[in-house]
Amino acid sequence: MICNAGVAPFVRMDWFVFAKQFVLKFFDSVTYPTFNYETPGIVSDDGLGWVWQSNVFGHYVLVSRTYLVNDTWSDMRNTSVVSSSPSFLRLRAKPSVPLV
């Protein structure tokens, strides 16, 4: 089973910052964009954060319910891959082991 999501409540884009980042740091502009502005604090009707619920919790519920129904998944593996992250979550310290 492959679960994929990527939602965010973007409200606008800073075109000047986009152009600068696109020209000077192309790879960062497509993996760690700093030019999008989001609306923080949006919650769903059940009180959960909308972005978290869409990108994480929905996958948990789907996989856990499917696992309970299909008992032949005795050798199930869980692999989590994050292809990009918001720039404000980048680590400031240099890692001792390369992250390649």
PDB file of N, CA and C in Angstrom:
ATOM      1  N   MET A   1       0.851  -1.164   0.000  1.00  0.00           N
ATOM      2  CA  MET A   1       0.000   0.000   0.000  1.00  0.00           C
ATOM      3  C   MET A   1       0.901   1.233   0.000  1.00  0.00           C
ATOM      4  N   ILE A   2       0.594   2.161  -0.853  1.00  0.00           N
ATOM      5  CA  ILE A   2       1.342   3.411  -0.911  1.00  0.00           C
ATOM      6  C   ILE A   2       0.385   4.541  -0.564  1.00  0.00           C
ATOM      7  N   CYS A   3       0.737   5.315   0.439  1.00  0.00           N
ATOM      8  CA  CYS A   3      -0.058   6.480   0.833  1.00  0.00           C
ATOM      9  C   CYS A   3       0.746   7.734   0.530  1.00  0.00           C
ATOM     10  N   ASN A   4       0.118   8.672  -0.121  1.00  0.00           N
ATOM     11  CA  ASN A   4       0.810   9.896  -0.506  1.00  0.00           C
ATOM     12  C   ASN A   4      -0.124  11.081  -0.267  1.00  0.00           C
ATOM     13  N   ALA A   5       0.425  12.157   0.251  1.00  0.00           N
ATOM     14  CA  ALA A   5      -0.365  13.375   0.449  1.00  0.00           C
ATOM     15  C   ALA A   5       0.574  14.565   0.452  1.00  0.00           C
ATOM     16  N   GLY A   6       0.029  15.693   0.273  1.00  0.00           N
ATOM     17  CA  GLY A   6       0.812  16.912   0.301  1.00  0.00           C
ATOM     18  C   GLY A   6      -0.091  18.107   0.177  1.00  0.00           C
ATOM     19  N   VAL A   7      -0.811  18.420   1.229  1.00  0.00           N
ATOM     20  CA  VAL A   7      -1.708  19.569   1.198  1.00  0.00           C
ATOM     21  C   VAL A   7      -1.195  20.646   2.138  1.00  0.00           C
ATOM     22  N   ALA A   8      -1.466  21.865   1.792  1.00  0.00           N
ATOM     23  CA  ALA A   8      -1.118  23.005   2.633  1.00  0.00           C
ATOM     24  C   ALA A   8      -1.998  24.171   2.211  1.00  0.00           C
ATOM     25  N   PRO A   9      -2.433  24.965   3.160  1.00  0.00           N
ATOM     26  CA  PRO A   9      -3.302  26.104   2.840  1.00  0.00           C
ATOM     27  C   PRO A   9      -2.503  27.332   2.406  1.00  0.00           C
ATOM     28  N   PHE A  10      -1.950  27.296   1.206  1.00  0.00           N
ATOM     29  CA  PHE A  10      -1.196  28.447   0.711  1.00  0.00           C
ATOM     30  C   PHE A  10      -2.149  29.589   0.387  1.00  0.00           C
ATOM     31  N   VAL A  11      -1.779  30.798   0.803  1.00  0.00           N
ATOM     32  CA  VAL A  11      -2.625  31.957   0.524  1.00  0.00           C
ATOM     33  C   VAL A  11      -2.010  32.881  -0.521  1.00  0.00           C
ATOM     34  N   ARG A  12      -0.684  32.864  -0.621  1.00  0.00           N
ATOM     35  CA  ARG A  12      -0.049  33.687  -1.637  1.00  0.00           C
ATOM     36  C   ARG A  12       1.394  33.229  -1.829  1.00  0.00           C
ATOM     37  N   MET A  13       2.011  33.805  -2.859  1.00  0.00           N
ATOM     38  CA  MET A  13       3.390  33.474  -3.189  1.00  0.00           C
ATOM     39  C   MET A  13       4.149  34.770  -3.408  1.00  0.00           C
ATOM     40  N   ASP A  14       5.331  34.885  -2.829  1.00  0.00           N
ATOM     41  CA  ASP A  14       6.176  36.059  -3.021  1.00  0.00           C
ATOM     42  C   ASP A  14       7.004  35.847  -4.289  1.00  0.00           C
ATOM     43  N   TRP A  15       6.619  36.503  -5.372  1.00  0.00           N
ATOM     44  CA  TRP A  15       7.242  36.285  -6.677  1.00  0.00           C
ATOM     45  C   TRP A  15       8.696  36.742  -6.714  1.00  0.00           C
ATOM     46  N   PHE A  16       9.036  37.798  -5.982  1.00  0.00           N
ATOM     47  CA  PHE A  16      10.420  38.258  -5.946  1.00  0.00           C
ATOM     48  C   PHE A  16      11.315  37.214  -5.283  1.00  0.00           C
ATOM     49  N   VAL A  17      10.880  36.689  -4.147  1.00  0.00           N
ATOM     50  CA  VAL A  17      11.648  35.649  -3.453  1.00  0.00           C
ATOM     51  C   VAL A  17      11.735  34.397  -4.320  1.00  0.00           C
ATOM     52  N   PHE A  18      10.644  34.059  -5.006  1.00  0.00           N
ATOM     53  CA  PHE A  18      10.667  32.909  -5.906  1.00  0.00           C
ATOM     54  C   PHE A  18      11.724  33.083  -6.995  1.00  0.00           C
ATOM     55  N   ALA A  19      11.718  34.239  -7.667  1.00  0.00           N
ATOM     56  CA  ALA A  19      12.677  34.472  -8.754  1.00  0.00           C
ATOM     57  C   ALA A  19      14.110  34.405  -8.246  1.00  0.00           C
ATOM     58  N   LYS A  20      14.355  35.013  -7.100  1.00  0.00           N
ATOM     59  CA  LYS A  20      15.703  35.010  -6.519  1.00  0.00           C
ATOM     60  C   LYS A  20      16.137  33.585  -6.179  1.00  0.00           C
ATOM     61  N   GLN A  21      15.261  32.837  -5.516  1.00  0.00           N
ATOM     62  CA  GLN A  21      15.613  31.470  -5.131  1.00  0.00           C
ATOM     63  C   GLN A  21      15.734  30.566  -6.357  1.00  0.00           C
ATOM     64  N   PHE A  22      14.904  30.764  -7.358  1.00  0.00           N
ATOM     65  CA  PHE A  22      14.945  29.955  -8.573  1.00  0.00           C
ATOM     66  C   PHE A  22      16.264  30.146  -9.320  1.00  0.00           C
ATOM     67  N   VAL A  23      16.748  31.386  -9.377  1.00  0.00           N
ATOM     68  CA  VAL A  23      17.983  31.676 -10.102  1.00  0.00           C
ATOM     69  C   VAL A  23      19.219  31.285  -9.292  1.00  0.00           C
ATOM     70  N   LEU A  24      19.232  31.622  -7.998  1.00  0.00           N
ATOM     71  CA  LEU A  24      20.423  31.399  -7.182  1.00  0.00           C
ATOM     72  C   LEU A  24      20.512  30.001  -6.581  1.00  0.00           C
ATOM     73  N   LYS A  25      19.380  29.417  -6.224  1.00  0.00           N
ATOM     74  CA  LYS A  25      19.361  28.094  -5.575  1.00  0.00           C
ATOM     75  C   LYS A  25      18.216  27.281  -6.151  1.00  0.00           C
ATOM     76  N   PHE A  26      18.387  26.842  -7.392  1.00  0.00           N
ATOM     77  CA  PHE A  26      17.306  26.141  -8.079  1.00  0.00           C
ATOM     78  C   PHE A  26      16.831  24.913  -7.309  1.00  0.00           C
ATOM     79  N   PHE A  27      17.759  24.077  -6.849  1.00  0.00           N
ATOM     80  CA  PHE A  27      17.373  22.854  -6.144  1.00  0.00           C
ATOM     81  C   PHE A  27      16.538  23.176  -4.904  1.00  0.00           C
ATOM     82  N   ASP A  28      16.953  24.191  -4.144  1.00  0.00           N
ATOM     83  CA  ASP A  28      16.175  24.586  -2.967  1.00  0.00           C
ATOM     84  C   ASP A  28      14.799  25.114  -3.353  1.00  0.00           C
ATOM     85  N   SER A  29      14.695  25.764  -4.495  1.00  0.00           N
ATOM     86  CA  SER A  29      13.403  26.333  -4.891  1.00  0.00           C
ATOM     87  C   SER A  29      12.359  25.259  -5.181  1.00  0.00           C
ATOM     88  N   VAL A  30      12.789  24.062  -5.552  1.00  0.00           N
ATOM     89  CA  VAL A  30      11.835  22.988  -5.818  1.00  0.00           C
ATOM     90  C   VAL A  30      11.734  21.976  -4.679  1.00  0.00           C
ATOM     91  N   THR A  31      12.653  22.016  -3.714  1.00  0.00           N
ATOM     92  CA  THR A  31      12.579  21.087  -2.582  1.00  0.00           C
ATOM     93  C   THR A  31      12.304  21.771  -1.253  1.00  0.00           C
ATOM     94  N   TYR A  32      12.849  22.957  -1.043  1.00  0.00           N
ATOM     95  CA  TYR A  32      12.637  23.714   0.192  1.00  0.00           C
ATOM     96  C   TYR A  32      12.208  25.143  -0.143  1.00  0.00           C
ATOM     97  N   PRO A  33      11.045  25.326  -0.743  1.00  0.00           N
ATOM     98  CA  PRO A  33      10.648  26.669  -1.151  1.00  0.00           C
ATOM     99  C   PRO A  33      10.422  27.584   0.057  1.00  0.00           C
ATOM    100  N   THR A  34      10.883  28.818  -0.075  1.00  0.00           N
ATOM    101  CA  THR A  34      10.690  29.808   0.990  1.00  0.00           C
ATOM    102  C   THR A  34       9.758  30.924   0.548  1.00  0.00           C
ATOM    103  N   PHE A  35       9.116  30.773  -0.596  1.00  0.00           N
ATOM    104  CA  PHE A  35       8.314  31.851  -1.163  1.00  0.00           C
ATOM    105  C   PHE A  35       6.814  31.667  -0.985  1.00  0.00           C
ATOM    106  N   ASN A  36       6.373  30.571  -0.382  1.00  0.00           N
ATOM    107  CA  ASN A  36       4.945  30.334  -0.157  1.00  0.00           C
ATOM    108  C   ASN A  36       4.541  30.823   1.229  1.00  0.00           C
ATOM    109  N   TYR A  37       3.375  31.409   1.319  1.00  0.00           N
ATOM    110  CA  TYR A  37       2.828  31.841   2.597  1.00  0.00           C
ATOM    111  C   TYR A  37       1.585  31.022   2.893  1.00  0.00           C
ATOM    112  N   GLU A  38       1.522  30.449   4.105  1.00  0.00           N
ATOM    113  CA  GLU A  38       0.417  29.590   4.508  1.00  0.00           C
ATOM    114  C   GLU A  38      -0.440  30.261   5.563  1.00  0.00           C
ATOM    115  N   THR A  39      -1.686  29.817   5.656  1.00  0.00           N
ATOM    116  CA  THR A  39      -2.572  30.252   6.728  1.00  0.00           C
ATOM    117  C   THR A  39      -2.404  29.267   7.881  1.00  0.00           C
ATOM    118  N   PRO A  40      -1.885  29.704   9.017  1.00  0.00           N
ATOM    119  CA  PRO A  40      -1.675  28.772  10.138  1.00  0.00           C
ATOM    120  C   PRO A  40      -2.954  28.554  10.945  1.00  0.00           C
ATOM    121  N   GLY A  41      -3.015  27.425  11.614  1.00  0.00           N
ATOM    122  CA  GLY A  41      -4.058  27.171  12.600  1.00  0.00           C
ATOM    123  C   GLY A  41      -5.394  26.688  12.074  1.00  0.00           C
ATOM    124  N   ILE A  42      -5.487  26.222  10.849  1.00  0.00           N
ATOM    125  CA  ILE A  42      -6.765  25.730  10.330  1.00  0.00           C
ATOM    126  C   ILE A  42      -7.044  24.355  10.930  1.00  0.00           C
ATOM    127  N   VAL A  43      -8.233  24.194  11.502  1.00  0.00           N
ATOM    128  CA  VAL A  43      -8.631  22.916  12.096  1.00  0.00           C
ATOM    129  C   VAL A  43      -9.895  22.412  11.409  1.00  0.00           C
ATOM    130  N   SER A  44     -10.057  21.094  11.427  1.00  0.00           N
ATOM    131  CA  SER A  44     -11.242  20.478  10.832  1.00  0.00           C
ATOM    132  C   SER A  44     -12.382  20.488  11.846  1.00  0.00           C
ATOM    133  N   ASP A  45     -13.532  19.979  11.442  1.00  0.00           N
ATOM    134  CA  ASP A  45     -14.698  19.965  12.334  1.00  0.00           C
ATOM    135  C   ASP A  45     -14.480  19.141  13.594  1.00  0.00           C
ATOM    136  N   ASP A  46     -13.585  18.144  13.533  1.00  0.00           N
ATOM    137  CA  ASP A  46     -13.328  17.325  14.719  1.00  0.00           C
ATOM    138  C   ASP A  46     -12.212  17.873  15.593  1.00  0.00           C
ATOM    139  N   GLY A  47     -11.696  19.063  15.286  1.00  0.00           N
ATOM    140  CA  GLY A  47     -10.713  19.722  16.133  1.00  0.00           C
ATOM    141  C   GLY A  47      -9.263  19.380  15.860  1.00  0.00           C
ATOM    142  N   LEU A  48      -9.012  18.559  14.845  1.00  0.00           N
ATOM    143  CA  LEU A  48      -7.634  18.217  14.502  1.00  0.00           C
ATOM    144  C   LEU A  48      -7.092  19.224  13.491  1.00  0.00           C
ATOM    145  N   GLY A  49      -5.793  19.429  13.521  1.00  0.00           N
ATOM    146  CA  GLY A  49      -5.166  20.307  12.546  1.00  0.00           C
ATOM    147  C   GLY A  49      -5.374  19.763  11.139  1.00  0.00           C
ATOM    148  N   TRP A  50      -5.820  20.620  10.224  1.00  0.00           N
ATOM    149  CA  TRP A  50      -6.201  20.166   8.890  1.00  0.00           C
ATOM    150  C   TRP A  50      -5.027  19.579   8.120  1.00  0.00           C
ATOM    151  N   VAL A  51      -3.886  20.253   8.111  1.00  0.00           N
ATOM    152  CA  VAL A  51      -2.728  19.759   7.370  1.00  0.00           C
ATOM    153  C   VAL A  51      -2.215  18.459   7.977  1.00  0.00           C
ATOM    154  N   TRP A  52      -2.113  18.399   9.289  1.00  0.00           N
ATOM    155  CA  TRP A  52      -1.653  17.172   9.957  1.00  0.00           C
ATOM    156  C   TRP A  52      -2.618  16.023   9.696  1.00  0.00           C
ATOM    157  N   GLN A  53      -3.909  16.295   9.787  1.00  0.00           N
ATOM    158  CA  GLN A  53      -4.904  15.249   9.570  1.00  0.00           C
ATOM    159  C   GLN A  53      -4.846  14.737   8.130  1.00  0.00           C
ATOM    160  N   SER A  54      -4.661  15.627   7.183  1.00  0.00           N
ATOM    161  CA  SER A  54      -4.620  15.225   5.778  1.00  0.00           C
ATOM    162  C   SER A  54      -3.349  14.469   5.426  1.00  0.00           C
ATOM    163  N   ASN A  55      -2.222  14.891   5.970  1.00  0.00           N
ATOM    164  CA  ASN A  55      -0.935  14.332   5.575  1.00  0.00           C
ATOM    165  C   ASN A  55      -0.446  13.177   6.440  1.00  0.00           C
ATOM    166  N   VAL A  56      -0.946  13.041   7.649  1.00  0.00           N
ATOM    167  CA  VAL A  56      -0.434  12.007   8.563  1.00  0.00           C
ATOM    168  C   VAL A  56      -1.551  11.117   9.105  1.00  0.00           C
ATOM    169  N   PHE A  57      -2.515  11.699   9.774  1.00  0.00           N
ATOM    170  CA  PHE A  57      -3.523  10.928  10.500  1.00  0.00           C
ATOM    171  C   PHE A  57      -4.387  10.074   9.577  1.00  0.00           C
ATOM    172  N   GLY A  58      -4.751  10.602   8.418  1.00  0.00           N
ATOM    173  CA  GLY A  58      -5.557   9.822   7.472  1.00  0.00           C
ATOM    174  C   GLY A  58      -4.860   8.558   7.030  1.00  0.00           C
ATOM    175  N   HIS A  59      -3.552   8.639   6.827  1.00  0.00           N
ATOM    176  CA  HIS A  59      -2.782   7.457   6.436  1.00  0.00           C
ATOM    177  C   HIS A  59      -2.749   6.430   7.573  1.00  0.00           C
ATOM    178  N   TYR A  60      -2.587   6.928   8.793  1.00  0.00           N
ATOM    179  CA  TYR A  60      -2.568   6.026   9.947  1.00  0.00           C
ATOM    180  C   TYR A  60      -3.887   5.258  10.053  1.00  0.00           C
ATOM    181  N   VAL A  61      -4.994   5.959   9.948  1.00  0.00           N
ATOM    182  CA  VAL A  61      -6.296   5.306  10.058  1.00  0.00           C
ATOM    183  C   VAL A  61      -6.489   4.300   8.927  1.00  0.00           C
ATOM    184  N   LEU A  62      -6.164   4.686   7.700  1.00  0.00           N
ATOM    185  CA  LEU A  62      -6.330   3.791   6.555  1.00  0.00           C
ATOM    186  C   LEU A  62      -5.499   2.519   6.697  1.00  0.00           C
ATOM    187  N   VAL A  63      -4.226   2.666   7.047  1.00  0.00           N
ATOM    188  CA  VAL A  63      -3.351   1.498   7.166  1.00  0.00           C
ATOM    189  C   VAL A  63      -3.750   0.626   8.354  1.00  0.00           C
ATOM    190  N   SER A  64      -4.067   1.234   9.497  1.00  0.00           N
ATOM    191  CA  SER A  64      -4.420   0.427  10.670  1.00  0.00           C
ATOM    192  C   SER A  64      -5.728  -0.331  10.454  1.00  0.00           C
ATOM    193  N   ARG A  65      -6.715   0.293   9.810  1.00  0.00           N
ATOM    194  CA  ARG A  65      -7.982  -0.402   9.540  1.00  0.00           C
ATOM    195  C   ARG A  65      -7.792  -1.504   8.501  1.00  0.00           C
ATOM    196  N   THR A  66      -6.997  -1.250   7.487  1.00  0.00           N
ATOM    197  CA  THR A  66      -6.734  -2.270   6.464  1.00  0.00           C
ATOM    198  C   THR A  66      -5.990  -3.447   7.077  1.00  0.00           C
ATOM    199  N   TYR A  67      -5.058  -3.168   7.956  1.00  0.00           N
ATOM    200  CA  TYR A  67      -4.295  -4.227   8.617  1.00  0.00           C
ATOM    201  C   TYR A  67      -5.207  -5.101   9.471  1.00  0.00           C
ATOM    202  N   LEU A  68      -6.177  -4.489  10.163  1.00  0.00           N
ATOM    203  CA  LEU A  68      -7.094  -5.264  10.993  1.00  0.00           C
ATOM    204  C   LEU A  68      -7.994  -6.157  10.147  1.00  0.00           C
ATOM    205  N   VAL A  69      -8.406  -5.682   8.979  1.00  0.00           N
ATOM    206  CA  VAL A  69      -9.302  -6.452   8.119  1.00  0.00           C
ATOM    207  C   VAL A  69      -8.564  -7.580   7.409  1.00  0.00           C
ATOM    208  N   ASN A  70      -7.356  -7.312   6.958  1.00  0.00           N
ATOM    209  CA  ASN A  70      -6.601  -8.280   6.165  1.00  0.00           C
ATOM    210  C   ASN A  70      -5.511  -8.906   7.024  1.00  0.00           C
ATOM    211  N   ASP A  71      -5.804 -10.048   7.633  1.00  0.00           N
ATOM    212  CA  ASP A  71      -4.847 -10.686   8.533  1.00  0.00           C
ATOM    213  C   ASP A  71      -3.725 -11.417   7.800  1.00  0.00           C
ATOM    214  N   THR A  72      -3.756 -11.426   6.480  1.00  0.00           N
ATOM    215  CA  THR A  72      -2.669 -12.061   5.731  1.00  0.00           C
ATOM    216  C   THR A  72      -1.437 -11.157   5.636  1.00  0.00           C
ATOM    217  N   TRP A  73      -1.518  -9.954   6.142  1.00  0.00           N
ATOM    218  CA  TRP A  73      -0.382  -9.026   6.126  1.00  0.00           C
ATOM    219  C   TRP A  73       0.518  -9.269   7.340  1.00  0.00           C
ATOM    220  N   SER A  74       0.823 -10.512   7.614  1.00  0.00           N
ATOM    221  CA  SER A  74       1.611 -10.821   8.802  1.00  0.00           C
ATOM    222  C   SER A  74       3.045 -10.310   8.698  1.00  0.00           C
ATOM    223  N   ASP A  75       3.524 -10.109   7.479  1.00  0.00           N
ATOM    224  CA  ASP A  75       4.895  -9.655   7.288  1.00  0.00           C
ATOM    225  C   ASP A  75       4.918  -8.210   6.755  1.00  0.00           C
ATOM    226  N   MET A  76       4.012  -7.404   7.242  1.00  0.00           N
ATOM    227  CA  MET A  76       3.887  -6.039   6.751  1.00  0.00           C
ATOM    228  C   MET A  76       5.046  -5.175   7.227  1.00  0.00           C
ATOM    229  N   ARG A  77       5.545  -4.316   6.355  1.00  0.00           N
ATOM    230  CA  ARG A  77       6.634  -3.401   6.681  1.00  0.00           C
ATOM    231  C   ARG A  77       6.125  -1.977   6.625  1.00  0.00           C
ATOM    232  N   ASN A  78       6.677  -1.128   7.466  1.00  0.00           N
ATOM    233  CA  ASN A  78       6.312   0.287   7.483  1.00  0.00           C
ATOM    234  C   ASN A  78       7.530   1.095   7.080  1.00  0.00           C
ATOM    235  N   THR A  79       7.433   1.807   5.986  1.00  0.00           N
ATOM    236  CA  THR A  79       8.514   2.655   5.525  1.00  0.00           C
ATOM    237  C   THR A  79       7.974   4.063   5.356  1.00  0.00           C
ATOM    238  N   SER A  80       8.644   5.009   5.948  1.00  0.00           N
ATOM    239  CA  SER A  80       8.225   6.398   5.835  1.00  0.00           C
ATOM    240  C   SER A  80       9.305   7.175   5.108  1.00  0.00           C
ATOM    241  N   VAL A  81       8.933   7.853   4.044  1.00  0.00           N
ATOM    242  CA  VAL A  81       9.877   8.646   3.267  1.00  0.00           C
ATOM    243  C   VAL A  81       9.347  10.062   3.178  1.00  0.00           C
ATOM    244  N   VAL A  82      10.178  11.001   3.559  1.00  0.00           N
ATOM    245  CA  VAL A  82       9.817  12.409   3.465  1.00  0.00           C
ATOM    246  C   VAL A  82      10.698  13.015   2.392  1.00  0.00           C
ATOM    247  N   SER A  83      10.083  13.489   1.317  1.00  0.00           N
ATOM    248  CA  SER A  83      10.875  13.989   0.193  1.00  0.00           C
ATOM    249  C   SER A  83      11.244  15.452   0.351  1.00  0.00           C
ATOM    250  N   SER A  84      10.481  16.196   1.099  1.00  0.00           N
ATOM    251  CA  SER A  84      10.826  17.590   1.336  1.00  0.00           C
ATOM    252  C   SER A  84      10.212  18.012   2.656  1.00  0.00           C
ATOM    253  N   SER A  85      10.732  19.069   3.211  1.00  0.00           N
ATOM    254  CA  SER A  85      10.221  19.566   4.473  1.00  0.00           C
ATOM    255  C   SER A  85      10.256  21.089   4.453  1.00  0.00           C
ATOM    256  N   PRO A  86       9.408  21.719   5.253  1.00  0.00           N
ATOM    257  CA  PRO A  86       9.426  23.177   5.300  1.00  0.00           C
ATOM    258  C   PRO A  86      10.788  23.692   5.764  1.00  0.00           C
ATOM    259  N   SER A  87      11.203  24.807   5.249  1.00  0.00           N
ATOM    260  CA  SER A  87      12.529  25.325   5.568  1.00  0.00           C
ATOM    261  C   SER A  87      12.680  25.669   7.042  1.00  0.00           C
ATOM    262  N   PHE A  88      11.590  25.966   7.735  1.00  0.00           N
ATOM    263  CA  PHE A  88      11.717  26.291   9.150  1.00  0.00           C
ATOM    264  C   PHE A  88      11.991  25.068  10.008  1.00  0.00           C
ATOM    265  N   LEU A  89      11.898  23.863   9.445  1.00  0.00           N
ATOM    266  CA  LEU A  89      12.201  22.644  10.194  1.00  0.00           C
ATOM    267  C   LEU A  89      13.607  22.118   9.939  1.00  0.00           C
ATOM    268  N   ARG A  90      14.380  22.813   9.131  1.00  0.00           N
ATOM    269  CA  ARG A  90      15.744  22.356   8.859  1.00  0.00           C
ATOM    270  C   ARG A  90      16.579  22.392  10.131  1.00  0.00           C
ATOM    271  N   LEU A  91      17.465  21.427  10.235  1.00  0.00           N
ATOM    272  CA  LEU A  91      18.373  21.394  11.371  1.00  0.00           C
ATOM    273  C   LEU A  91      19.424  22.479  11.216  1.00  0.00           C
ATOM    274  N   ARG A  92      19.733  23.140  12.283  1.00  0.00           N
ATOM    275  CA  ARG A  92      20.736  24.206  12.232  1.00  0.00           C
ATOM    276  C   ARG A  92      22.144  23.654  12.429  1.00  0.00           C
ATOM    277  N   ALA A  93      22.283  22.579  13.195  1.00  0.00           N
ATOM    278  CA  ALA A  93      23.596  22.002  13.446  1.00  0.00           C
ATOM    279  C   ALA A  93      23.974  21.081  12.290  1.00  0.00           C
ATOM    280  N   LYS A  94      25.260  20.995  12.031  1.00  0.00           N
ATOM    281  CA  LYS A  94      25.725  20.085  10.975  1.00  0.00           C
ATOM    282  C   LYS A  94      25.703  18.660  11.504  1.00  0.00           C
ATOM    283  N   PRO A  95      25.107  17.721  10.761  1.00  0.00           N
ATOM    284  CA  PRO A  95      25.042  16.337  11.222  1.00  0.00           C
ATOM    285  C   PRO A  95      26.428  15.690  11.181  1.00  0.00           C
ATOM    286  N   SER A  96      26.656  14.745  12.094  1.00  0.00           N
ATOM    287  CA  SER A  96      27.935  14.053  12.120  1.00  0.00           C
ATOM    288  C   SER A  96      28.015  12.998  11.023  1.00  0.00           C
ATOM    289  N   VAL A  97      26.849  12.526  10.569  1.00  0.00           N
ATOM    290  CA  VAL A  97      26.801  11.535   9.500  1.00  0.00           C
ATOM    291  C   VAL A  97      26.111  12.177   8.308  1.00  0.00           C
ATOM    292  N   PRO A  98      26.670  12.048   7.094  1.00  0.00           N
ATOM    293  CA  PRO A  98      26.008  12.637   5.926  1.00  0.00           C
ATOM    294  C   PRO A  98      24.608  12.072   5.739  1.00  0.00           C
ATOM    295  N   LEU A  99      23.655  12.931   5.370  1.00  0.00           N
ATOM    296  CA  LEU A  99      22.272  12.510   5.195  1.00  0.00           C
ATOM    297  C   LEU A  99      21.962  12.184   3.752  1.00  0.00           C
ATOM    298  N   VAL A 100      22.891  11.549   3.062  1.00  0.00           N
ATOM    299  CA  VAL A 100      22.685  11.219   1.643  1.00  0.00           C
ATOM    300  C   VAL A 100      22.231   9.799   1.497  1.00  0.00           C
TER     301      VAL A 100
END
